[in-house]
Protein backbone atom coordinates (compact mmCIF):
# COMPACT_ATOMS: atom_id res chain seq x y z
CA MET A 1 15.57 -49.45 -15.19
CA SER A 2 15.27 -49.62 -18.93
CA GLU A 3 11.97 -49.53 -20.76
CA SER A 4 12.37 -53.16 -21.81
CA GLN A 5 12.90 -54.17 -18.16
CA LYS A 6 9.72 -52.31 -17.16
CA ILE A 7 7.76 -54.06 -19.90
CA GLU A 8 9.14 -57.44 -18.84
CA LEU A 9 8.15 -56.81 -15.21
CA GLN A 10 4.66 -55.76 -16.29
CA ARG A 11 4.33 -59.02 -18.21
CA HIS A 12 5.11 -60.95 -15.03
CA HIS A 13 3.07 -58.80 -12.63
CA LYS A 14 0.32 -61.37 -12.05
CA GLU A 15 2.92 -64.06 -11.33
CA LEU A 16 4.70 -61.76 -8.88
CA VAL A 17 1.45 -61.03 -7.04
CA LYS A 18 0.69 -64.75 -6.91
CA ASP A 19 4.16 -65.48 -5.50
CA VAL A 20 3.80 -62.84 -2.78
CA ALA A 21 0.34 -64.19 -1.88
CA SER A 22 1.88 -67.66 -1.57
CA LEU A 23 4.58 -66.26 0.68
CA ILE A 24 1.96 -64.65 2.93
CA ASP A 25 0.02 -67.92 3.03
CA LYS A 26 3.20 -69.81 3.97
CA TYR A 27 3.87 -67.57 6.95
CA ARG A 28 0.19 -67.49 7.93
CA ARG A 29 0.21 -71.29 8.18
CA MET A 30 3.41 -71.18 10.24
CA MET A 31 1.84 -68.69 12.65
CA GLU A 32 -1.31 -70.80 12.94
CA TRP A 33 0.75 -73.87 13.83
CA ASP A 34 2.60 -71.97 16.55
CA ILE A 35 -0.35 -69.85 17.71
CA PRO A 36 -3.63 -71.71 16.96
CA GLU A 37 -5.82 -68.91 18.36
CA SER A 38 -4.12 -66.20 16.26
CA ASP A 39 -6.20 -63.50 14.56
CA GLU A 40 -5.78 -64.03 10.80
CA ARG A 41 -6.19 -60.36 9.88
CA GLU A 42 -3.71 -59.22 12.48
CA GLY A 43 -1.35 -62.00 11.42
CA ASP A 44 -1.59 -60.94 7.79
CA ARG A 45 -0.89 -57.34 8.78
CA LEU A 46 2.21 -58.41 10.72
CA ILE A 47 3.39 -60.63 7.86
CA LEU A 48 2.95 -57.83 5.32
CA GLU A 49 4.82 -55.47 7.62
CA ALA A 50 7.69 -57.95 7.92
CA ILE A 51 7.76 -58.45 4.14
CA GLN A 52 7.85 -54.67 3.64
CA GLU A 53 10.77 -54.40 6.09
CA ALA A 54 12.59 -57.13 4.16
CA LEU A 55 11.93 -55.34 0.86
CA ASP A 56 13.18 -52.06 2.34
CA ALA A 57 16.37 -53.79 3.51
CA LEU A 58 16.90 -55.31 0.07
CA LYS A 59 16.41 -51.93 -1.58
CA LYS A 60 19.31 -50.55 0.45
CA THR A 61 21.74 -53.14 -0.90
């Protein structure tokens, strides 16, 4: 990654964090619809784990 790419990513860091938080919220709502009594913390942990697995898979490509 070039230095200019790193700088550009740093400029968009807050937006990236906001997008990931929105993604977590999306899947949290989906889990709550399907499992109304779900534990939010445990759900968030599972969602983050699934996102990390997806990121790891994307890294390999």
